[in-house]
PDB file of N, CA and C in Angstrom:
ATOM      1  N   MET A   1       0.812  -1.203   0.003  1.00  0.00           N
ATOM      2  CA  MET A   1       0.020  -0.005   0.019  1.00  0.00           C
ATOM      3  C   MET A   1       0.891   1.242   0.013  1.00  0.00           C
ATOM      4  N   LEU A   2       1.951   1.209   0.804  1.00  0.00           N
ATOM      5  CA  LEU A   2       2.828   2.338   0.842  1.00  0.00           C
ATOM      6  C   LEU A   2       3.493   2.574  -0.495  1.00  0.00           C
ATOM      7  N   PHE A   3       3.857   1.503  -1.170  1.00  0.00           N
ATOM      8  CA  PHE A   3       4.446   1.610  -2.470  1.00  0.00           C
ATOM      9  C   PHE A   3       3.508   2.232  -3.452  1.00  0.00           C
ATOM     10  N   ALA A   4       2.229   1.877  -3.393  1.00  0.00           N
ATOM     11  CA  ALA A   4       1.181   2.432  -4.294  1.00  0.00           C
ATOM     12  C   ALA A   4       1.046   3.930  -4.030  1.00  0.00           C
ATOM     13  N   ILE A   5       1.097   4.364  -2.801  1.00  0.00           N
ATOM     14  CA  ILE A   5       0.987   5.777  -2.476  1.00  0.00           C
ATOM     15  C   ILE A   5       2.174   6.538  -3.067  1.00  0.00           C
ATOM     16  N   GLY A   6       3.373   5.951  -2.912  1.00  0.00           N
ATOM     17  CA  GLY A   6       4.567   6.539  -3.511  1.00  0.00           C
ATOM     18  C   GLY A   6       4.510   6.599  -5.029  1.00  0.00           C
ATOM     19  N   LEU A   7       3.945   5.560  -5.579  1.00  0.00           N
ATOM     20  CA  LEU A   7       3.815   5.478  -7.060  1.00  0.00           C
ATOM     21  C   LEU A   7       2.876   6.589  -7.571  1.00  0.00           C
ATOM     22  N   VAL A   8       1.769   6.774  -6.873  1.00  0.00           N
ATOM     23  CA  VAL A   8       0.787   7.836  -7.302  1.00  0.00           C
ATOM     24  C   VAL A   8       1.442   9.215  -7.115  1.00  0.00           C
ATOM     25  N   ALA A   9       2.162   9.396  -5.961  1.00  0.00           N
ATOM     26  CA  ALA A   9       2.812  10.657  -5.725  1.00  0.00           C
ATOM     27  C   ALA A   9       3.877  10.929  -6.795  1.00  0.00           C
ATOM     28  N   THR A  10       4.573   9.912  -7.198  1.00  0.00           N
ATOM     29  CA  THR A  10       5.592  10.093  -8.255  1.00  0.00           C
ATOM     30  C   THR A  10       4.946  10.503  -9.549  1.00  0.00           C
ATOM     31  N   ALA A  11       3.819   9.875  -9.892  1.00  0.00           N
ATOM     32  CA  ALA A  11       3.104  10.217 -11.114  1.00  0.00           C
ATOM     33  C   ALA A  11       2.653  11.681 -11.043  1.00  0.00           C
ATOM     34  N   VAL A  12       2.172  12.115  -9.853  1.00  0.00           N
ATOM     35  CA  VAL A  12       1.730  13.481  -9.715  1.00  0.00           C
ATOM     36  C   VAL A  12       2.892  14.466  -9.889  1.00  0.00           C
ATOM     37  N   ILE A  13       4.120  14.027  -9.563  1.00  0.00           N
ATOM     38  CA  ILE A  13       5.264  14.920  -9.714  1.00  0.00           C
ATOM     39  C   ILE A  13       5.748  14.858 -11.161  1.00  0.00           C
ATOM     40  N   ILE A  14       5.871  13.683 -11.760  1.00  0.00           N
ATOM     41  CA  ILE A  14       6.485  13.510 -13.066  1.00  0.00           C
ATOM     42  C   ILE A  14       5.631  13.977 -14.199  1.00  0.00           C
ATOM     43  N   ILE A  15       4.343  13.711 -14.234  1.00  0.00           N
ATOM     44  CA  ILE A  15       3.487  14.027 -15.364  1.00  0.00           C
ATOM     45  C   ILE A  15       3.441  15.541 -15.590  1.00  0.00           C
ATOM     46  N   PRO A  16       3.224  16.397 -14.591  1.00  0.00           N
ATOM     47  CA  PRO A  16       3.242  17.815 -14.859  1.00  0.00           C
ATOM     48  C   PRO A  16       4.584  18.367 -15.274  1.00  0.00           C
ATOM     49  N   PHE A  17       5.690  17.639 -14.905  1.00  0.00           N
ATOM     50  CA  PHE A  17       7.022  18.054 -15.307  1.00  0.00           C
ATOM     51  C   PHE A  17       7.152  18.053 -16.803  1.00  0.00           C
ATOM     52  N   PHE A  18       6.501  17.127 -17.469  1.00  0.00           N
ATOM     53  CA  PHE A  18       6.584  17.083 -18.938  1.00  0.00           C
ATOM     54  C   PHE A  18       5.863  18.208 -19.609  1.00  0.00           C
ATOM     55  N   PHE A  19       4.958  18.869 -18.863  1.00  0.00           N
ATOM     56  CA  PHE A  19       4.225  20.015 -19.390  1.00  0.00           C
ATOM     57  C   PHE A  19       4.766  21.337 -18.949  1.00  0.00           C
ATOM     58  N   GLY A  20       5.935  21.329 -18.306  1.00  0.00           N
ATOM     59  CA  GLY A  20       6.627  22.555 -17.934  1.00  0.00           C
ATOM     60  C   GLY A  20       6.538  22.987 -16.483  1.00  0.00           C
ATOM     61  N   ALA A  21       5.772  22.319 -15.697  1.00  0.00           N
ATOM     62  CA  ALA A  21       5.654  22.634 -14.233  1.00  0.00           C
ATOM     63  C   ALA A  21       6.841  22.059 -13.526  1.00  0.00           C
ATOM     64  N   THR A  22       7.736  22.848 -13.015  1.00  0.00           N
ATOM     65  CA  THR A  22       8.940  22.371 -12.335  1.00  0.00           C
ATOM     66  C   THR A  22       8.941  22.526 -10.820  1.00  0.00           C
ATOM     67  N   GLU A  23       8.131  23.410 -10.304  1.00  0.00           N
ATOM     68  CA  GLU A  23       8.073  23.633  -8.868  1.00  0.00           C
ATOM     69  C   GLU A  23       6.974  22.815  -8.238  1.00  0.00           C
ATOM     70  N   ARG A  24       7.347  21.854  -7.434  1.00  0.00           N
ATOM     71  CA  ARG A  24       6.412  21.025  -6.712  1.00  0.00           C
ATOM     72  C   ARG A  24       6.680  21.202  -5.220  1.00  0.00           C
ATOM     73  N   PRO A  25       5.650  20.990  -4.367  1.00  0.00           N
ATOM     74  CA  PRO A  25       5.866  21.097  -2.926  1.00  0.00           C
ATOM     75  C   PRO A  25       6.863  20.043  -2.440  1.00  0.00           C
ATOM     76  N   THR A  26       7.640  20.455  -1.455  1.00  0.00           N
ATOM     77  CA  THR A  26       8.654  19.559  -0.897  1.00  0.00           C
ATOM     78  C   THR A  26       8.026  18.315  -0.309  1.00  0.00           C
ATOM     79  N   TRP A  27       6.910  18.459   0.407  1.00  0.00           N
ATOM     80  CA  TRP A  27       6.270  17.309   1.060  1.00  0.00           C
ATOM     81  C   TRP A  27       5.862  16.258   0.028  1.00  0.00           C
ATOM     82  N   LEU A  28       5.484  16.711  -1.172  1.00  0.00           N
ATOM     83  CA  LEU A  28       5.109  15.767  -2.232  1.00  0.00           C
ATOM     84  C   LEU A  28       6.316  14.994  -2.709  1.00  0.00           C
ATOM     85  N   ASN A  29       7.415  15.673  -2.856  1.00  0.00           N
ATOM     86  CA  ASN A  29       8.667  15.000  -3.235  1.00  0.00           C
ATOM     87  C   ASN A  29       9.087  13.958  -2.157  1.00  0.00           C
ATOM     88  N   VAL A  30       8.918  14.342  -0.949  1.00  0.00           N
ATOM     89  CA  VAL A  30       9.282  13.403   0.171  1.00  0.00           C
ATOM     90  C   VAL A  30       8.372  12.192   0.183  1.00  0.00           C
ATOM     91  N   VAL A  31       7.063  12.403  -0.017  1.00  0.00           N
ATOM     92  CA  VAL A  31       6.105  11.281  -0.039  1.00  0.00           C
ATOM     93  C   VAL A  31       6.454  10.351  -1.217  1.00  0.00           C
ATOM     94  N   ALA A  32       6.755  10.935  -2.324  1.00  0.00           N
ATOM     95  CA  ALA A  32       7.045  10.145  -3.549  1.00  0.00           C
ATOM     96  C   ALA A  32       8.297   9.316  -3.329  1.00  0.00           C
ATOM     97  N   ALA A  33       9.356   9.980  -2.944  1.00  0.00           N
ATOM     98  CA  ALA A  33      10.644   9.287  -2.800  1.00  0.00           C
ATOM     99  C   ALA A  33      10.570   8.285  -1.591  1.00  0.00           C
ATOM    100  N   GLY A  34      10.041   8.708  -0.493  1.00  0.00           N
ATOM    101  CA  GLY A  34       9.967   7.793   0.680  1.00  0.00           C
ATOM    102  C   GLY A  34       8.955   6.722   0.506  1.00  0.00           C
ATOM    103  N   GLY A  35       7.848   6.993  -0.082  1.00  0.00           N
ATOM    104  CA  GLY A  35       6.819   5.939  -0.299  1.00  0.00           C
ATOM    105  C   GLY A  35       7.303   4.857  -1.232  1.00  0.00           C
ATOM    106  N   LEU A  36       7.969   5.193  -2.284  1.00  0.00           N
ATOM    107  CA  LEU A  36       8.480   4.186  -3.198  1.00  0.00           C
ATOM    108  C   LEU A  36       9.586   3.403  -2.553  1.00  0.00           C
ATOM    109  N   THR A  37      10.513   4.097  -1.936  1.00  0.00           N
ATOM    110  CA  THR A  37      11.647   3.426  -1.317  1.00  0.00           C
ATOM    111  C   THR A  37      11.254   2.517  -0.153  1.00  0.00           C
ATOM    112  N   ILE A  38      10.507   3.056   0.773  1.00  0.00           N
ATOM    113  CA  ILE A  38      10.117   2.281   1.953  1.00  0.00           C
ATOM    114  C   ILE A  38       9.148   1.166   1.573  1.00  0.00           C
ATOM    115  N   GLY A  39       8.213   1.471   0.669  1.00  0.00           N
ATOM    116  CA  GLY A  39       7.271   0.443   0.223  1.00  0.00           C
ATOM    117  C   GLY A  39       7.975  -0.701  -0.501  1.00  0.00           C
ATOM    118  N   PHE A  40       8.950  -0.388  -1.346  1.00  0.00           N
ATOM    119  CA  PHE A  40       9.705  -1.425  -2.027  1.00  0.00           C
ATOM    120  C   PHE A  40      10.488  -2.251  -1.079  1.00  0.00           C
ATOM    121  N   ALA A  41      11.118  -1.582  -0.103  1.00  0.00           N
ATOM    122  CA  ALA A  41      11.912  -2.301   0.940  1.00  0.00           C
ATOM    123  C   ALA A  41      11.026  -3.241   1.783  1.00  0.00           C
ATOM    124  N   LEU A  42       9.859  -2.783   2.146  1.00  0.00           N
ATOM    125  CA  LEU A  42       8.916  -3.630   2.909  1.00  0.00           C
ATOM    126  C   LEU A  42       8.444  -4.828   2.048  1.00  0.00           C
ATOM    127  N   ALA A  43       8.211  -4.601   0.762  1.00  0.00           N
ATOM    128  CA  ALA A  43       7.784  -5.682  -0.119  1.00  0.00           C
ATOM    129  C   ALA A  43       8.931  -6.714  -0.221  1.00  0.00           C
ATOM    130  N   LEU A  44      10.154  -6.272  -0.377  1.00  0.00           N
ATOM    131  CA  LEU A  44      11.302  -7.221  -0.428  1.00  0.00           C
ATOM    132  C   LEU A  44      11.450  -7.986   0.858  1.00  0.00           C
ATOM    133  N   ILE A  45      11.311  -7.306   1.999  1.00  0.00           N
ATOM    134  CA  ILE A  45      11.408  -7.989   3.284  1.00  0.00           C
ATOM    135  C   ILE A  45      10.305  -9.031   3.416  1.00  0.00           C
ATOM    136  N   GLY A  46       9.127  -8.728   2.974  1.00  0.00           N
ATOM    137  CA  GLY A  46       7.994  -9.672   3.021  1.00  0.00           C
ATOM    138  C   GLY A  46       8.280 -10.890   2.126  1.00  0.00           C
ATOM    139  N   ILE A  47       8.827 -10.664   0.974  1.00  0.00           N
ATOM    140  CA  ILE A  47       9.132 -11.783   0.069  1.00  0.00           C
ATOM    141  C   ILE A  47      10.204 -12.662   0.665  1.00  0.00           C
ATOM    142  N   VAL A  48      11.295 -12.060   1.196  1.00  0.00           N
ATOM    143  CA  VAL A  48      12.380 -12.857   1.770  1.00  0.00           C
ATOM    144  C   VAL A  48      11.866 -13.598   2.994  1.00  0.00           C
ATOM    145  N   THR A  49      11.057 -12.998   3.837  1.00  0.00           N
ATOM    146  CA  THR A  49      10.476 -13.670   4.990  1.00  0.00           C
ATOM    147  C   THR A  49       9.636 -14.861   4.565  1.00  0.00           C
ATOM    148  N   ALA A  50       8.810 -14.728   3.510  1.00  0.00           N
ATOM    149  CA  ALA A  50       7.983 -15.784   3.054  1.00  0.00           C
ATOM    150  C   ALA A  50       8.832 -16.951   2.497  1.00  0.00           C
ATOM    151  N   VAL A  51       9.893 -16.615   1.768  1.00  0.00           N
ATOM    152  CA  VAL A  51      10.723 -17.649   1.214  1.00  0.00           C
ATOM    153  C   VAL A  51      11.502 -18.381   2.293  1.00  0.00           C
ATOM    154  N   LEU A  52      11.955 -17.718   3.290  1.00  0.00           N
ATOM    155  CA  LEU A  52      12.803 -18.330   4.326  1.00  0.00           C
ATOM    156  C   LEU A  52      12.029 -19.025   5.418  1.00  0.00           C
ATOM    157  N   SER A  53      10.701 -18.759   5.497  1.00  0.00           N
ATOM    158  CA  SER A  53       9.904 -19.394   6.568  1.00  0.00           C
ATOM    159  C   SER A  53       9.768 -20.886   6.253  1.00  0.00           C
ATOM    160  N   PRO A  54       9.665 -21.695   7.309  1.00  0.00           N
ATOM    161  CA  PRO A  54       9.537 -23.131   7.047  1.00  0.00           C
ATOM    162  C   PRO A  54       8.186 -23.438   6.427  1.00  0.00           C
ATOM    163  N   ALA A  55       8.205 -24.461   5.643  1.00  0.00           N
ATOM    164  CA  ALA A  55       6.979 -24.875   4.956  1.00  0.00           C
ATOM    165  C   ALA A  55       6.031 -25.501   5.940  1.00  0.00           C
ATOM    166  N   ALA A  56       4.748 -25.385   5.694  1.00  0.00           N
ATOM    167  CA  ALA A  56       3.781 -25.983   6.537  1.00  0.00           C
ATOM    168  C   ALA A  56       3.889 -27.503   6.518  1.00  0.00           C
ATOM    169  N   VAL A  57       3.797 -28.121   7.659  1.00  0.00           N
ATOM    170  CA  VAL A  57       3.914 -29.580   7.737  1.00  0.00           C
ATOM    171  C   VAL A  57       2.562 -30.199   7.977  1.00  0.00           C
ATOM    172  N   ASP A  58       2.295 -31.252   7.201  1.00  0.00           N
ATOM    173  CA  ASP A  58       1.074 -31.989   7.370  1.00  0.00           C
ATOM    174  C   ASP A  58       1.229 -33.008   8.472  1.00  0.00           C
ATOM    175  N   ASP A  59       0.557 -32.806   9.601  1.00  0.00           N
ATOM    176  CA  ASP A  59       0.703 -33.686  10.774  1.00  0.00           C
ATOM    177  C   ASP A  59      -0.040 -34.985  10.676  1.00  0.00           C
ATOM    178  N   THR A  60      -0.723 -35.242   9.633  1.00  0.00           N
ATOM    179  CA  THR A  60      -1.449 -36.500   9.531  1.00  0.00           C
ATOM    180  C   THR A  60      -0.498 -37.654   9.143  1.00  0.00           C
ATOM    181  N   GLU A  61      -0.815 -38.820   9.580  1.00  0.00           N
ATOM    182  CA  GLU A  61       0.004 -39.968   9.213  1.00  0.00           C
ATOM    183  C   GLU A  61      -0.415 -40.479   7.869  1.00  0.00           C
ATOM    184  N   PRO A  62       0.561 -40.934   7.104  1.00  0.00           N
ATOM    185  CA  PRO A  62       0.187 -41.541   5.782  1.00  0.00           C
ATOM    186  C   PRO A  62      -0.610 -42.799   5.978  1.00  0.00           C
ATOM    187  N   VAL A  63      -1.557 -43.008   5.084  1.00  0.00           N
ATOM    188  CA  VAL A  63      -2.381 -44.232   5.154  1.00  0.00           C
ATOM    189  C   VAL A  63      -2.349 -45.007   3.849  1.00  0.00           C
ATOM    190  N   ASP A  64      -2.579 -46.304   3.945  1.00  0.00           N
ATOM    191  CA  ASP A  64      -2.617 -47.068   2.715  1.00  0.00           C
ATOM    192  C   ASP A  64      -4.030 -46.958   2.055  1.00  0.00           C
ATOM    193  N   THR A  65      -4.228 -47.706   1.016  1.00  0.00           N
ATOM    194  CA  THR A  65      -5.498 -47.590   0.289  1.00  0.00           C
ATOM    195  C   THR A  65      -6.691 -48.030   1.081  1.00  0.00           C
ATOM    196  N   GLU A  66      -6.491 -48.809   2.158  1.00  0.00           N
ATOM    197  CA  GLU A  66      -7.591 -49.267   3.002  1.00  0.00           C
ATOM    198  C   GLU A  66      -7.819 -48.343   4.162  1.00  0.00           C
ATOM    199  N   GLY A  67      -7.030 -47.308   4.362  1.00  0.00           N
ATOM    200  CA  GLY A  67      -7.207 -46.369   5.425  1.00  0.00           C
ATOM    201  C   GLY A  67      -6.419 -46.708   6.679  1.00  0.00           C
ATOM    202  N   ASN A  68      -5.584 -47.724   6.596  1.00  0.00           N
ATOM    203  CA  ASN A  68      -4.747 -48.110   7.765  1.00  0.00           C
ATOM    204  C   ASN A  68      -3.444 -47.319   7.780  1.00  0.00           C
ATOM    205  N   PRO A  69      -2.956 -46.915   8.973  1.00  0.00           N
ATOM    206  CA  PRO A  69      -1.676 -46.177   8.999  1.00  0.00           C
ATOM    207  C   PRO A  69      -0.549 -47.072   8.478  1.00  0.00           C
ATOM    208  N   ILE A  70       0.390 -46.475   7.830  1.00  0.00           N
ATOM    209  CA  ILE A  70       1.527 -47.166   7.252  1.00  0.00           C
ATOM    210  C   ILE A  70       2.621 -47.363   8.279  1.00  0.00           C
TER     211      ILE A  70
END
């Protein structure tokens, strides 16, 4: 969500720049740069955490075709 806010703020800064508007509020620049950077870092941390977490273990015992434990 934070990345999306930063992405929208960046679009608000960049698009008018192509039409000649160069002066933007400082807070908008901070939200754009900080939102993208912090949001991307949080996304990467979430991905790394998900990859490194142990896989879920099925605690049931395996059974044969008749339903008896192996």
